PDB file of N, CA and C in Angstrom:
ATOM      1  N   MET A   1       8.617  -8.866  36.026  1.00  0.00           N
ATOM      2  CA  MET A   1       9.130  -8.168  34.867  1.00  0.00           C
ATOM      3  C   MET A   1      10.575  -7.782  35.131  1.00  0.00           C
ATOM      4  N   GLN A   2      11.378  -7.906  34.102  1.00  0.00           N
ATOM      5  CA  GLN A   2      12.792  -7.573  34.196  1.00  0.00           C
ATOM      6  C   GLN A   2      13.062  -6.360  33.313  1.00  0.00           C
ATOM      7  N   VAL A   3      13.671  -5.326  33.887  1.00  0.00           N
ATOM      8  CA  VAL A   3      13.969  -4.109  33.150  1.00  0.00           C
ATOM      9  C   VAL A   3      15.476  -3.900  33.173  1.00  0.00           C
ATOM     10  N   GLY A   4      16.032  -3.522  32.037  1.00  0.00           N
ATOM     11  CA  GLY A   4      17.468  -3.279  31.989  1.00  0.00           C
ATOM     12  C   GLY A   4      17.888  -2.794  30.621  1.00  0.00           C
ATOM     13  N   THR A   5      19.148  -2.467  30.512  1.00  0.00           N
ATOM     14  CA  THR A   5      19.728  -2.017  29.260  1.00  0.00           C
ATOM     15  C   THR A   5      20.619  -3.128  28.723  1.00  0.00           C
ATOM     16  N   LEU A   6      20.450  -3.440  27.451  1.00  0.00           N
ATOM     17  CA  LEU A   6      21.244  -4.487  26.809  1.00  0.00           C
ATOM     18  C   LEU A   6      21.936  -3.945  25.581  1.00  0.00           C
ATOM     19  N   ALA A   7      23.118  -4.438  25.340  1.00  0.00           N
ATOM     20  CA  ALA A   7      23.767  -4.191  24.054  1.00  0.00           C
ATOM     21  C   ALA A   7      23.038  -5.038  23.018  1.00  0.00           C
ATOM     22  N   ILE A   8      23.008  -4.560  21.795  1.00  0.00           N
ATOM     23  CA  ILE A   8      22.222  -5.219  20.749  1.00  0.00           C
ATOM     24  C   ILE A   8      22.636  -6.673  20.528  1.00  0.00           C
ATOM     25  N   GLN A   9      23.912  -6.982  20.697  1.00  0.00           N
ATOM     26  CA  GLN A   9      24.345  -8.362  20.462  1.00  0.00           C
ATOM     27  C   GLN A   9      23.695  -9.338  21.437  1.00  0.00           C
ATOM     28  N   HIS A  10      23.253  -8.847  22.595  1.00  0.00           N
ATOM     29  CA  HIS A  10      22.605  -9.739  23.559  1.00  0.00           C
ATOM     30  C   HIS A  10      21.230 -10.204  23.081  1.00  0.00           C
ATOM     31  N   LEU A  11      20.615  -9.444  22.188  1.00  0.00           N
ATOM     32  CA  LEU A  11      19.322  -9.861  21.645  1.00  0.00           C
ATOM     33  C   LEU A  11      19.461 -11.006  20.657  1.00  0.00           C
ATOM     34  N   PHE A  12      20.631 -11.107  20.021  1.00  0.00           N
ATOM     35  CA  PHE A  12      20.811 -12.093  18.953  1.00  0.00           C
ATOM     36  C   PHE A  12      21.888 -13.126  19.257  1.00  0.00           C
ATOM     37  N   GLU A  13      22.420 -13.144  20.470  1.00  0.00           N
ATOM     38  CA  GLU A  13      23.566 -14.009  20.727  1.00  0.00           C
ATOM     39  C   GLU A  13      23.215 -15.457  21.049  1.00  0.00           C
ATOM     40  N   LYS A  14      21.978 -15.742  21.359  1.00  0.00           N
ATOM     41  CA  LYS A  14      21.639 -17.125  21.649  1.00  0.00           C
ATOM     42  C   LYS A  14      20.388 -17.512  20.876  1.00  0.00           C
ATOM     43  N   ASP A  15      20.111 -18.794  20.863  1.00  0.00           N
ATOM     44  CA  ASP A  15      18.950 -19.286  20.127  1.00  0.00           C
ATOM     45  C   ASP A  15      17.667 -18.895  20.852  1.00  0.00           C
ATOM     46  N   VAL A  16      16.946 -17.966  20.255  1.00  0.00           N
ATOM     47  CA  VAL A  16      15.669 -17.515  20.783  1.00  0.00           C
ATOM     48  C   VAL A  16      14.713 -17.373  19.606  1.00  0.00           C
ATOM     49  N   LEU A  17      13.522 -17.858  19.776  1.00  0.00           N
ATOM     50  CA  LEU A  17      12.481 -17.690  18.772  1.00  0.00           C
ATOM     51  C   LEU A  17      11.655 -16.471  19.167  1.00  0.00           C
ATOM     52  N   TYR A  18      11.753 -15.415  18.380  1.00  0.00           N
ATOM     53  CA  TYR A  18      10.948 -14.219  18.623  1.00  0.00           C
ATOM     54  C   TYR A  18       9.647 -14.372  17.835  1.00  0.00           C
ATOM     55  N   ARG A  19       8.539 -14.327  18.542  1.00  0.00           N
ATOM     56  CA  ARG A  19       7.234 -14.428  17.889  1.00  0.00           C
ATOM     57  C   ARG A  19       6.535 -13.079  17.957  1.00  0.00           C
ATOM     58  N   VAL A  20       5.911 -12.712  16.864  1.00  0.00           N
ATOM     59  CA  VAL A  20       5.171 -11.451  16.798  1.00  0.00           C
ATOM     60  C   VAL A  20       3.692 -11.785  16.949  1.00  0.00           C
ATOM     61  N   PRO A  21       3.051 -11.290  18.015  1.00  0.00           N
ATOM     62  CA  PRO A  21       1.619 -11.566  18.197  1.00  0.00           C
ATOM     63  C   PRO A  21       0.799 -11.031  17.025  1.00  0.00           C
ATOM     64  N   LEU A  22      -0.328 -11.654  16.772  1.00  0.00           N
ATOM     65  CA  LEU A  22      -1.175 -11.283  15.637  1.00  0.00           C
ATOM     66  C   LEU A  22      -1.676  -9.850  15.703  1.00  0.00           C
ATOM     67  N   TYR A  23      -1.779  -9.278  16.905  1.00  0.00           N
ATOM     68  CA  TYR A  23      -2.284  -7.910  17.013  1.00  0.00           C
ATOM     69  C   TYR A  23      -1.247  -6.855  16.626  1.00  0.00           C
ATOM     70  N   GLN A  24       0.001  -7.254  16.384  1.00  0.00           N
ATOM     71  CA  GLN A  24       1.027  -6.301  15.974  1.00  0.00           C
ATOM     72  C   GLN A  24       0.816  -5.905  14.517  1.00  0.00           C
ATOM     73  N   ARG A  25       1.130  -4.657  14.218  1.00  0.00           N
ATOM     74  CA  ARG A  25       1.031  -4.197  12.831  1.00  0.00           C
ATOM     75  C   ARG A  25       2.147  -4.828  12.002  1.00  0.00           C
ATOM     76  N   PRO A  26       1.968  -4.873  10.682  1.00  0.00           N
ATOM     77  CA  PRO A  26       3.048  -5.394   9.825  1.00  0.00           C
ATOM     78  C   PRO A  26       4.219  -4.409   9.804  1.00  0.00           C
ATOM     79  N   TYR A  27       5.307  -4.847   9.209  1.00  0.00           N
ATOM     80  CA  TYR A  27       6.504  -4.012   9.112  1.00  0.00           C
ATOM     81  C   TYR A  27       6.205  -2.795   8.245  1.00  0.00           C
ATOM     82  N   VAL A  28       6.472  -1.583   8.785  1.00  0.00           N
ATOM     83  CA  VAL A  28       6.090  -0.359   8.068  1.00  0.00           C
ATOM     84  C   VAL A  28       7.192   0.696   8.015  1.00  0.00           C
ATOM     85  N   TRP A  29       8.421   0.361   8.405  1.00  0.00           N
ATOM     86  CA  TRP A  29       9.464   1.387   8.380  1.00  0.00           C
ATOM     87  C   TRP A  29       9.665   1.905   6.966  1.00  0.00           C
ATOM     88  N   LYS A  30       9.838   3.227   6.864  1.00  0.00           N
ATOM     89  CA  LYS A  30      10.045   3.884   5.574  1.00  0.00           C
ATOM     90  C   LYS A  30      11.457   4.478   5.523  1.00  0.00           C
ATOM     91  N   GLU A  31      11.972   4.629   4.307  1.00  0.00           N
ATOM     92  CA  GLU A  31      13.354   5.083   4.140  1.00  0.00           C
ATOM     93  C   GLU A  31      13.599   6.442   4.787  1.00  0.00           C
ATOM     94  N   ASP A  32      12.812   7.443   4.442  1.00  0.00           N
ATOM     95  CA  ASP A  32      13.065   8.801   4.943  1.00  0.00           C
ATOM     96  C   ASP A  32      12.804   8.952   6.431  1.00  0.00           C
ATOM     97  N   GLU A  33      11.777   8.296   6.937  1.00  0.00           N
ATOM     98  CA  GLU A  33      11.352   8.508   8.320  1.00  0.00           C
ATOM     99  C   GLU A  33      12.143   7.697   9.344  1.00  0.00           C
ATOM    100  N   GLN A  34      12.514   6.462   8.995  1.00  0.00           N
ATOM    101  CA  GLN A  34      13.180   5.612   9.980  1.00  0.00           C
ATOM    102  C   GLN A  34      14.539   5.087   9.511  1.00  0.00           C
ATOM    103  N   TRP A  35      14.612   4.566   8.280  1.00  0.00           N
ATOM    104  CA  TRP A  35      15.854   3.955   7.810  1.00  0.00           C
ATOM    105  C   TRP A  35      16.995   4.964   7.714  1.00  0.00           C
ATOM    106  N   GLN A  36      16.735   6.105   7.109  1.00  0.00           N
ATOM    107  CA  GLN A  36      17.799   7.096   6.901  1.00  0.00           C
ATOM    108  C   GLN A  36      18.388   7.599   8.217  1.00  0.00           C
ATOM    109  N   PRO A  37      17.557   7.990   9.209  1.00  0.00           N
ATOM    110  CA  PRO A  37      18.151   8.410  10.491  1.00  0.00           C
ATOM    111  C   PRO A  37      18.958   7.303  11.171  1.00  0.00           C
ATOM    112  N   LEU A  38      18.462   6.067  11.111  1.00  0.00           N
ATOM    113  CA  LEU A  38      19.219   4.961  11.706  1.00  0.00           C
ATOM    114  C   LEU A  38      20.538   4.761  10.971  1.00  0.00           C
ATOM    115  N   TRP A  39      20.506   4.807   9.642  1.00  0.00           N
ATOM    116  CA  TRP A  39      21.723   4.636   8.846  1.00  0.00           C
ATOM    117  C   TRP A  39      22.747   5.724   9.173  1.00  0.00           C
ATOM    118  N   GLU A  40      22.295   6.960   9.308  1.00  0.00           N
ATOM    119  CA  GLU A  40      23.201   8.064   9.648  1.00  0.00           C
ATOM    120  C   GLU A  40      23.825   7.852  11.028  1.00  0.00           C
ATOM    121  N   ASP A  41      23.037   7.388  11.982  1.00  0.00           N
ATOM    122  CA  ASP A  41      23.572   7.091  13.315  1.00  0.00           C
ATOM    123  C   ASP A  41      24.629   5.992  13.246  1.00  0.00           C
ATOM    124  N   LEU A  42      24.332   4.932  12.493  1.00  0.00           N
ATOM    125  CA  LEU A  42      25.294   3.836  12.355  1.00  0.00           C
ATOM    126  C   LEU A  42      26.558   4.284  11.635  1.00  0.00           C
ATOM    127  N   ARG A  43      26.401   5.133  10.629  1.00  0.00           N
ATOM    128  CA  ARG A  43      27.550   5.659   9.897  1.00  0.00           C
ATOM    129  C   ARG A  43      28.455   6.462  10.833  1.00  0.00           C
ATOM    130  N   ARG A  44      27.866   7.335  11.648  1.00  0.00           N
ATOM    131  CA  ARG A  44      28.665   8.127  12.596  1.00  0.00           C
ATOM    132  C   ARG A  44      29.389   7.232  13.604  1.00  0.00           C
ATOM    133  N   LEU A  45      28.689   6.224  14.108  1.00  0.00           N
ATOM    134  CA  LEU A  45      29.329   5.300  15.051  1.00  0.00           C
ATOM    135  C   LEU A  45      30.475   4.547  14.376  1.00  0.00           C
ATOM    136  N   SER A  46      30.273   4.125  13.124  1.00  0.00           N
ATOM    137  CA  SER A  46      31.321   3.413  12.387  1.00  0.00           C
ATOM    138  C   SER A  46      32.529   4.296  12.136  1.00  0.00           C
ATOM    139  N   GLU A  47      32.278   5.537  11.771  1.00  0.00           N
ATOM    140  CA  GLU A  47      33.379   6.470  11.536  1.00  0.00           C
ATOM    141  C   GLU A  47      34.176   6.716  12.813  1.00  0.00           C
ATOM    142  N   ASP A  48      33.493   6.798  13.944  1.00  0.00           N
ATOM    143  CA  ASP A  48      34.191   6.939  15.223  1.00  0.00           C
ATOM    144  C   ASP A  48      35.113   5.749  15.460  1.00  0.00           C
ATOM    145  N   LEU A  49      34.606   4.548  15.212  1.00  0.00           N
ATOM    146  CA  LEU A  49      35.423   3.351  15.398  1.00  0.00           C
ATOM    147  C   LEU A  49      36.634   3.340  14.468  1.00  0.00           C
ATOM    148  N   LEU A  50      36.408   3.712  13.218  1.00  0.00           N
ATOM    149  CA  LEU A  50      37.499   3.701  12.235  1.00  0.00           C
ATOM    150  C   LEU A  50      38.580   4.721  12.542  1.00  0.00           C
ATOM    151  N   THR A  51      38.217   5.814  13.187  1.00  0.00           N
ATOM    152  CA  THR A  51      39.203   6.845  13.526  1.00  0.00           C
ATOM    153  C   THR A  51      39.780   6.658  14.925  1.00  0.00           C
ATOM    154  N   GLY A  52      39.414   5.559  15.574  1.00  0.00           N
ATOM    155  CA  GLY A  52      39.975   5.266  16.888  1.00  0.00           C
ATOM    156  C   GLY A  52      39.254   5.925  18.054  1.00  0.00           C
ATOM    157  N   LYS A  53      38.178   6.632  17.783  1.00  0.00           N
ATOM    158  CA  LYS A  53      37.406   7.247  18.865  1.00  0.00           C
ATOM    159  C   LYS A  53      36.554   6.193  19.551  1.00  0.00           C
ATOM    160  N   GLN A  54      36.323   6.418  20.818  1.00  0.00           N
ATOM    161  CA  GLN A  54      35.422   5.546  21.564  1.00  0.00           C
ATOM    162  C   GLN A  54      33.992   5.937  21.187  1.00  0.00           C
ATOM    163  N   PRO A  55      33.243   5.037  20.533  1.00  0.00           N
ATOM    164  CA  PRO A  55      31.886   5.416  20.135  1.00  0.00           C
ATOM    165  C   PRO A  55      30.979   5.540  21.350  1.00  0.00           C
ATOM    166  N   ARG A  56      30.073   6.472  21.263  1.00  0.00           N
ATOM    167  CA  ARG A  56      29.119   6.633  22.361  1.00  0.00           C
ATOM    168  C   ARG A  56      27.975   5.650  22.166  1.00  0.00           C
ATOM    169  N   SER A  57      27.267   5.393  23.206  1.00  0.00           N
ATOM    170  CA  SER A  57      26.114   4.496  23.132  1.00  0.00           C
ATOM    171  C   SER A  57      25.032   5.111  22.258  1.00  0.00           C
ATOM    172  N   HIS A  58      24.252   4.246  21.653  1.00  0.00           N
ATOM    173  CA  HIS A  58      23.143   4.701  20.817  1.00  0.00           C
ATOM    174  C   HIS A  58      21.870   4.052  21.339  1.00  0.00           C
ATOM    175  N   PHE A  59      20.883   4.854  21.677  1.00  0.00           N
ATOM    176  CA  PHE A  59      19.626   4.330  22.188  1.00  0.00           C
ATOM    177  C   PHE A  59      18.706   3.983  21.023  1.00  0.00           C
ATOM    178  N   LEU A  60      18.363   2.710  20.908  1.00  0.00           N
ATOM    179  CA  LEU A  60      17.494   2.256  19.829  1.00  0.00           C
ATOM    180  C   LEU A  60      16.026   2.205  20.229  1.00  0.00           C
ATOM    181  N   GLY A  61      15.744   2.462  21.454  1.00  0.00           N
ATOM    182  CA  GLY A  61      14.364   2.386  21.919  1.00  0.00           C
ATOM    183  C   GLY A  61      14.151   1.115  22.723  1.00  0.00           C
ATOM    184  N   ALA A  62      12.973   1.020  23.269  1.00  0.00           N
ATOM    185  CA  ALA A  62      12.650  -0.107  24.134  1.00  0.00           C
ATOM    186  C   ALA A  62      12.171  -1.305  23.329  1.00  0.00           C
ATOM    187  N   SER A  63      12.387  -2.445  23.880  1.00  0.00           N
ATOM    188  CA  SER A  63      11.833  -3.689  23.355  1.00  0.00           C
ATOM    189  C   SER A  63      11.124  -4.361  24.519  1.00  0.00           C
ATOM    190  N   VAL A  64       9.838  -4.538  24.387  1.00  0.00           N
ATOM    191  CA  VAL A  64       9.056  -5.190  25.435  1.00  0.00           C
ATOM    192  C   VAL A  64       8.757  -6.609  24.980  1.00  0.00           C
ATOM    193  N   GLN A  65       9.152  -7.558  25.828  1.00  0.00           N
ATOM    194  CA  GLN A  65       8.999  -8.966  25.467  1.00  0.00           C
ATOM    195  C   GLN A  65       8.367  -9.728  26.617  1.00  0.00           C
ATOM    196  N   ASP A  66       7.563 -10.697  26.265  1.00  0.00           N
ATOM    197  CA  ASP A  66       7.002 -11.616  27.249  1.00  0.00           C
ATOM    198  C   ASP A  66       7.706 -12.949  27.045  1.00  0.00           C
ATOM    199  N   ARG A  67       8.036 -13.594  28.147  1.00  0.00           N
ATOM    200  CA  ARG A  67       8.749 -14.878  28.058  1.00  0.00           C
ATOM    201  C   ARG A  67       7.850 -16.000  28.560  1.00  0.00           C
ATOM    202  N   PRO A  68       7.032 -16.567  27.665  1.00  0.00           N
ATOM    203  CA  PRO A  68       6.182 -17.681  28.100  1.00  0.00           C
ATOM    204  C   PRO A  68       7.044 -18.895  28.443  1.00  0.00           C
ATOM    205  N   SER A  69       6.547 -19.714  29.326  1.00  0.00           N
ATOM    206  CA  SER A  69       7.317 -20.912  29.688  1.00  0.00           C
ATOM    207  C   SER A  69       7.282 -21.900  28.527  1.00  0.00           C
ATOM    208  N   VAL A  70       8.396 -22.578  28.353  1.00  0.00           N
ATOM    209  CA  VAL A  70       8.509 -23.597  27.305  1.00  0.00           C
ATOM    210  C   VAL A  70       8.971 -24.895  27.957  1.00  0.00           C
ATOM    211  N   PRO A  71       8.557 -26.015  27.400  1.00  0.00           N
ATOM    212  CA  PRO A  71       8.995 -27.303  27.961  1.00  0.00           C
ATOM    213  C   PRO A  71      10.509 -27.457  27.868  1.00  0.00           C
ATOM    214  N   PRO A  72      11.091 -28.197  28.783  1.00  0.00           N
ATOM    215  CA  PRO A  72      12.541 -28.444  28.726  1.00  0.00           C
ATOM    216  C   PRO A  72      12.938 -29.041  27.384  1.00  0.00           C
ATOM    217  N   GLY A  73      14.071 -28.584  26.871  1.00  0.00           N
ATOM    218  CA  GLY A  73      14.586 -29.082  25.606  1.00  0.00           C
ATOM    219  C   GLY A  73      14.072 -28.326  24.390  1.00  0.00           C
ATOM    220  N   GLN A  74      13.124 -27.421  24.584  1.00  0.00           N
ATOM    221  CA  GLN A  74      12.599 -26.633  23.472  1.00  0.00           C
ATOM    222  C   GLN A  74      13.281 -25.270  23.468  1.00  0.00           C
ATOM    223  N   ILE A  75      13.313 -24.646  22.305  1.00  0.00           N
ATOM    224  CA  ILE A  75      13.973 -23.355  22.156  1.00  0.00           C
ATOM    225  C   ILE A  75      13.219 -22.279  22.948  1.00  0.00           C
ATOM    226  N   GLU A  76      13.986 -21.388  23.558  1.00  0.00           N
ATOM    227  CA  GLU A  76      13.391 -20.281  24.300  1.00  0.00           C
ATOM    228  C   GLU A  76      12.565 -19.414  23.347  1.00  0.00           C
ATOM    229  N   THR A  77      11.378 -19.025  23.786  1.00  0.00           N
ATOM    230  CA  THR A  77      10.475 -18.234  22.952  1.00  0.00           C
ATOM    231  C   THR A  77      10.156 -16.929  23.656  1.00  0.00           C
ATOM    232  N   ARG A  78      10.113 -15.865  22.885  1.00  0.00           N
ATOM    233  CA  ARG A  78       9.720 -14.559  23.424  1.00  0.00           C
ATOM    234  C   ARG A  78       8.686 -13.936  22.506  1.00  0.00           C
ATOM    235  N   LEU A  79       7.659 -13.376  23.107  1.00  0.00           N
ATOM    236  CA  LEU A  79       6.657 -12.626  22.355  1.00  0.00           C
ATOM    237  C   LEU A  79       7.104 -11.180  22.294  1.00  0.00           C
ATOM    238  N   LEU A  80       7.149 -10.612  21.093  1.00  0.00           N
ATOM    239  CA  LEU A  80       7.535  -9.208  20.925  1.00  0.00           C
ATOM    240  C   LEU A  80       6.295  -8.336  21.095  1.00  0.00           C
ATOM    241  N   ILE A  81       6.189  -7.720  22.244  1.00  0.00           N
ATOM    242  CA  ILE A  81       5.061  -6.842  22.532  1.00  0.00           C
ATOM    243  C   ILE A  81       5.321  -5.464  21.925  1.00  0.00           C
ATOM    244  N   ASP A  82       6.556  -4.997  22.033  1.00  0.00           N
ATOM    245  CA  ASP A  82       6.952  -3.724  21.435  1.00  0.00           C
ATOM    246  C   ASP A  82       8.400  -3.842  20.969  1.00  0.00           C
ATOM    247  N   GLY A  83       8.704  -3.234  19.830  1.00  0.00           N
ATOM    248  CA  GLY A  83      10.067  -3.249  19.313  1.00  0.00           C
ATOM    249  C   GLY A  83      10.231  -4.100  18.069  1.00  0.00           C
ATOM    250  N   GLN A  84       9.120  -4.628  17.541  1.00  0.00           N
ATOM    251  CA  GLN A  84       9.192  -5.495  16.365  1.00  0.00           C
ATOM    252  C   GLN A  84       9.833  -4.784  15.175  1.00  0.00           C
ATOM    253  N   GLN A  85       9.482  -3.520  14.947  1.00  0.00           N
ATOM    254  CA  GLN A  85      10.011  -2.786  13.797  1.00  0.00           C
ATOM    255  C   GLN A  85      11.531  -2.640  13.907  1.00  0.00           C
ATOM    256  N   ARG A  86      12.016  -2.281  15.094  1.00  0.00           N
ATOM    257  CA  ARG A  86      13.462  -2.103  15.303  1.00  0.00           C
ATOM    258  C   ARG A  86      14.210  -3.425  15.165  1.00  0.00           C
ATOM    259  N   LEU A  87      13.695  -4.484  15.800  1.00  0.00           N
ATOM    260  CA  LEU A  87      14.397  -5.771  15.725  1.00  0.00           C
ATOM    261  C   LEU A  87      14.400  -6.326  14.304  1.00  0.00           C
ATOM    262  N   THR A  88      13.313  -6.157  13.590  1.00  0.00           N
ATOM    263  CA  THR A  88      13.267  -6.602  12.196  1.00  0.00           C
ATOM    264  C   THR A  88      14.284  -5.840  11.361  1.00  0.00           C
ATOM    265  N   THR A  89      14.355  -4.530  11.564  1.00  0.00           N
ATOM    266  CA  THR A  89      15.312  -3.708  10.821  1.00  0.00           C
ATOM    267  C   THR A  89      16.740  -4.124  11.130  1.00  0.00           C
ATOM    268  N   LEU A  90      17.040  -4.353  12.387  1.00  0.00           N
ATOM    269  CA  LEU A  90      18.398  -4.778  12.756  1.00  0.00           C
ATOM    270  C   LEU A  90      18.741  -6.126  12.134  1.00  0.00           C
ATOM    271  N   GLN A  91      17.783  -7.039  12.092  1.00  0.00           N
ATOM    272  CA  GLN A  91      18.036  -8.325  11.456  1.00  0.00           C
ATOM    273  C   GLN A  91      18.304  -8.147   9.959  1.00  0.00           C
ATOM    274  N   LEU A  92      17.570  -7.261   9.317  1.00  0.00           N
ATOM    275  CA  LEU A  92      17.808  -6.991   7.897  1.00  0.00           C
ATOM    276  C   LEU A  92      19.202  -6.405   7.677  1.00  0.00           C
ATOM    277  N   LEU A  93      19.599  -5.470   8.543  1.00  0.00           N
ATOM    278  CA  LEU A  93      20.935  -4.875   8.422  1.00  0.00           C
ATOM    279  C   LEU A  93      22.033  -5.905   8.651  1.00  0.00           C
ATOM    280  N   LEU A  94      21.864  -6.741   9.658  1.00  0.00           N
ATOM    281  CA  LEU A  94      22.863  -7.770   9.934  1.00  0.00           C
ATOM    282  C   LEU A  94      22.969  -8.767   8.784  1.00  0.00           C
ATOM    283  N   ARG A  95      21.840  -9.106   8.199  1.00  0.00           N
ATOM    284  CA  ARG A  95      21.850 -10.031   7.062  1.00  0.00           C
ATOM    285  C   ARG A  95      22.552  -9.392   5.856  1.00  0.00           C
ATOM    286  N   ALA A  96      22.272  -8.110   5.615  1.00  0.00           N
ATOM    287  CA  ALA A  96      22.938  -7.404   4.515  1.00  0.00           C
ATOM    288  C   ALA A  96      24.444  -7.333   4.767  1.00  0.00           C
ATOM    289  N   PHE A  97      24.844  -7.079   6.001  1.00  0.00           N
ATOM    290  CA  PHE A  97      26.258  -7.039   6.354  1.00  0.00           C
ATOM    291  C   PHE A  97      26.909  -8.394   6.093  1.00  0.00           C
ATOM    292  N   GLU A  98      26.218  -9.454   6.472  1.00  0.00           N
ATOM    293  CA  GLU A  98      26.738 -10.793   6.229  1.00  0.00           C
ATOM    294  C   GLU A  98      26.938 -11.041   4.734  1.00  0.00           C
ATOM    295  N   ASP A  99      25.967 -10.613   3.926  1.00  0.00           N
ATOM    296  CA  ASP A  99      26.076 -10.797   2.478  1.00  0.00           C
ATOM    297  C   ASP A  99      27.271 -10.035   1.913  1.00  0.00           C
ATOM    298  N   VAL A 100      27.479  -8.812   2.366  1.00  0.00           N
ATOM    299  CA  VAL A 100      28.613  -8.002   1.890  1.00  0.00           C
ATOM    300  C   VAL A 100      29.930  -8.649   2.293  1.00  0.00           C
ATOM    301  N   VAL A 101      30.002  -9.140   3.516  1.00  0.00           N
ATOM    302  CA  VAL A 101      31.229  -9.788   3.988  1.00  0.00           C
ATOM    303  C   VAL A 101      31.529 -11.034   3.155  1.00  0.00           C
ATOM    304  N   LYS A 102      30.492 -11.806   2.866  1.00  0.00           N
ATOM    305  CA  LYS A 102      30.706 -13.011   2.055  1.00  0.00           C
ATOM    306  C   LYS A 102      31.205 -12.658   0.655  1.00  0.00           C
ATOM    307  N   LEU A 103      30.637 -11.628   0.063  1.00  0.00           N
ATOM    308  CA  LEU A 103      31.069 -11.214  -1.275  1.00  0.00           C
ATOM    309  C   LEU A 103      32.484 -10.653  -1.267  1.00  0.00           C
ATOM    310  N   SER A 104      32.850  -9.980  -0.185  1.00  0.00           N
ATOM    311  CA  SER A 104      34.167  -9.361  -0.075  1.00  0.00           C
ATOM    312  C   SER A 104      35.222 -10.337   0.414  1.00  0.00           C
ATOM    313  N   ASP A 105      34.786 -11.480   0.922  1.00  0.00           N
ATOM    314  CA  ASP A 105      35.684 -12.481   1.483  1.00  0.00           C
ATOM    315  C   ASP A 105      36.575 -11.879   2.564  1.00  0.00           C
ATOM    316  N   VAL A 106      35.964 -11.148   3.474  1.00  0.00           N
ATOM    317  CA  VAL A 106      36.682 -10.564   4.602  1.00  0.00           C
ATOM    318  C   VAL A 106      36.583 -11.565   5.751  1.00  0.00           C
ATOM    319  N   SER A 107      37.551 -12.445   5.829  1.00  0.00           N
ATOM    320  CA  SER A 107      37.475 -13.561   6.772  1.00  0.00           C
ATOM    321  C   SER A 107      37.457 -13.122   8.228  1.00  0.00           C
ATOM    322  N   ALA A 108      37.971 -11.944   8.537  1.00  0.00           N
ATOM    323  CA  ALA A 108      37.970 -11.491   9.929  1.00  0.00           C
ATOM    324  C   ALA A 108      36.552 -11.334  10.460  1.00  0.00           C
ATOM    325  N   TYR A 109      35.617 -10.980   9.587  1.00  0.00           N
ATOM    326  CA  TYR A 109      34.234 -10.831  10.014  1.00  0.00           C
ATOM    327  C   TYR A 109      33.435 -12.104   9.781  1.00  0.00           C
ATOM    328  N   GLY A 110      33.820 -12.867   8.820  1.00  0.00           N
ATOM    329  CA  GLY A 110      33.064 -14.068   8.475  1.00  0.00           C
ATOM    330  C   GLY A 110      32.916 -15.053   9.607  1.00  0.00           C
ATOM    331  N   THR A 111      33.956 -15.208  10.434  1.00  0.00           N
ATOM    332  CA  THR A 111      33.879 -16.154  11.533  1.00  0.00           C
ATOM    333  C   THR A 111      32.951 -15.681  12.632  1.00  0.00           C
ATOM    334  N   ALA A 112      32.686 -14.380  12.709  1.00  0.00           N
ATOM    335  CA  ALA A 112      31.823 -13.853  13.762  1.00  0.00           C
ATOM    336  C   ALA A 112      30.351 -13.928  13.389  1.00  0.00           C
ATOM    337  N   LEU A 113      30.039 -14.145  12.115  1.00  0.00           N
ATOM    338  CA  LEU A 113      28.651 -14.148  11.675  1.00  0.00           C
ATOM    339  C   LEU A 113      28.049 -15.531  11.847  1.00  0.00           C
ATOM    340  N   MET A 114      26.826 -15.553  12.348  1.00  0.00           N
ATOM    341  CA  MET A 114      26.202 -16.835  12.634  1.00  0.00           C
ATOM    342  C   MET A 114      24.797 -16.917  12.048  1.00  0.00           C
ATOM    343  N   PHE A 115      24.543 -16.268  10.947  1.00  0.00           N
ATOM    344  CA  PHE A 115      23.207 -16.298  10.361  1.00  0.00           C
ATOM    345  C   PHE A 115      23.037 -17.464   9.393  1.00  0.00           C
ATOM    346  N   SER A 116      24.111 -18.029   8.929  1.00  0.00           N
ATOM    347  CA  SER A 116      24.012 -19.058   7.895  1.00  0.00           C
ATOM    348  C   SER A 116      23.438 -20.343   8.443  1.00  0.00           C
TER     349      SER A 116
END
């Protein structure tokens, strides 16, 4: 088992197939309980960046993954044992950000997005 701290971009920077085992519950995050606190944290971090402050780290919680072996030439696969709700939410936020950037035609961000 490998334990460590990763920046969020490391979870999405390479081609990895995240699989959710059947025993995991469906996506259940609610606006007041989970989305709103996360949004407020992201807003504060963004405001720090915009004002030139060094943003502090934000702990999103643990993600427990199993890495089954895959044949050579096949995409790396990881089973999400814990953290499915957080990773799904982050993917939704990143996708929404990509959509806003495309509508705004902000080319500085467009080249960094790789969801298309």
